[in-house]
Amino acid sequence: MVKLLFFGRLSDYANGVPTQIQASTAAEIRQQLVTEHPLLATELSEPQVLVAVNKQIVDWQQALQDGDEVAFLPPVTGG
């Protein structure tokens, strides 16, 4: 099982999402969310959304290990 974290506006779409899930990649997590959380899955499909595993930005296909912390980060703007 991996722990899920959603930041920024993504957390608004994550109500009811389990805090832990069984998955081998972040892309698989996104795919699992399509049925029950389609709005969140759509937001996660935006090209600007980043995924971090254990606080390091990684590719969506990065292999996950039991106990990993997977965070989804929306695009950020500033001035």
Protein backbone atom coordinates (compact mmCIF):
# COMPACT_ATOMS: atom_id res chain seq x y z
CA MET A 1 0.00 0.00 0.00
CA VAL A 2 1.12 3.55 -0.72
CA LYS A 3 0.01 6.71 1.05
CA LEU A 4 -1.73 9.36 -1.08
CA LEU A 5 -1.42 13.13 -0.67
CA PHE A 6 -3.14 15.78 -2.79
CA PHE A 7 -2.09 19.43 -2.66
CA GLY A 8 -3.65 22.70 -3.75
CA ARG A 9 -6.79 22.52 -5.81
CA LEU A 10 -6.33 18.76 -6.24
CA SER A 11 -7.28 18.30 -2.58
CA ASP A 12 -10.67 19.87 -3.40
CA TYR A 13 -11.37 16.97 -5.79
CA ALA A 14 -9.98 14.31 -3.46
CA ASN A 15 -12.87 14.13 -0.96
CA GLY A 16 -13.68 10.49 -0.38
CA VAL A 17 -10.46 9.19 -1.91
CA PRO A 18 -8.79 6.59 0.31
CA THR A 19 -5.61 7.73 2.02
CA GLN A 20 -3.86 4.52 0.99
CA ILE A 21 -4.08 2.46 -2.17
CA GLN A 22 -2.43 -0.56 -3.77
CA ALA A 23 -0.69 0.43 -7.01
CA SER A 24 2.60 -0.14 -8.82
CA THR A 25 2.89 3.34 -10.44
CA ALA A 26 1.35 6.79 -10.08
CA ALA A 27 -0.22 6.31 -13.52
CA GLU A 28 -1.97 3.23 -12.16
CA ILE A 29 -3.31 5.28 -9.23
CA ARG A 30 -4.75 7.80 -11.69
CA GLN A 31 -6.37 4.99 -13.68
CA GLN A 32 -7.92 3.47 -10.54
CA LEU A 33 -9.52 6.83 -9.69
CA VAL A 34 -11.29 7.20 -13.06
CA THR A 35 -14.41 5.25 -12.10
CA GLU A 36 -15.20 6.60 -8.63
CA HIS A 37 -13.46 9.99 -8.81
CA PRO A 38 -13.60 11.07 -12.48
CA LEU A 39 -13.11 14.80 -11.81
CA LEU A 40 -9.95 14.12 -9.82
CA ALA A 41 -8.67 11.73 -12.49
CA THR A 42 -9.27 14.41 -15.12
CA GLU A 43 -7.36 16.99 -13.07
CA LEU A 44 -4.49 14.54 -12.56
CA SER A 45 -4.31 14.07 -16.34
CA GLU A 46 -3.36 17.71 -16.87
CA PRO A 47 0.23 17.83 -18.20
CA GLN A 48 1.33 20.39 -15.59
CA VAL A 49 0.48 18.12 -12.62
CA LEU A 50 3.59 16.67 -11.01
CA VAL A 51 3.94 13.53 -8.95
CA ALA A 52 6.40 13.10 -6.10
CA VAL A 53 7.37 9.86 -4.41
CA ASN A 54 8.89 10.24 -0.97
CA LYS A 55 9.29 14.00 -1.58
CA GLN A 56 11.13 13.66 -4.89
CA ILE A 57 9.57 14.60 -8.23
CA VAL A 58 9.42 11.50 -10.42
CA ASP A 59 7.96 10.24 -13.68
CA TRP A 60 4.39 8.91 -13.63
CA GLN A 61 5.78 5.45 -14.47
CA GLN A 62 8.15 5.35 -11.47
CA ALA A 63 7.83 1.98 -9.71
CA LEU A 64 6.24 2.26 -6.27
CA GLN A 65 7.19 0.26 -3.21
CA ASP A 66 5.03 -0.70 -0.25
CA GLY A 67 5.01 2.22 2.20
CA ASP A 68 5.88 4.94 -0.34
CA GLU A 69 4.28 8.37 0.00
CA VAL A 70 2.85 9.59 -3.31
CA ALA A 71 2.00 13.28 -3.60
CA PHE A 72 0.19 14.96 -6.48
CA LEU A 73 1.14 18.61 -7.06
CA PRO A 74 -0.90 21.03 -9.16
CA PRO A 75 0.73 23.73 -11.26
CA VAL A 76 1.73 26.79 -9.27
CA THR A 77 1.76 30.38 -10.40
CA GLY A 78 3.40 33.34 -8.84
CA GLY A 79 4.36 36.86 -9.52
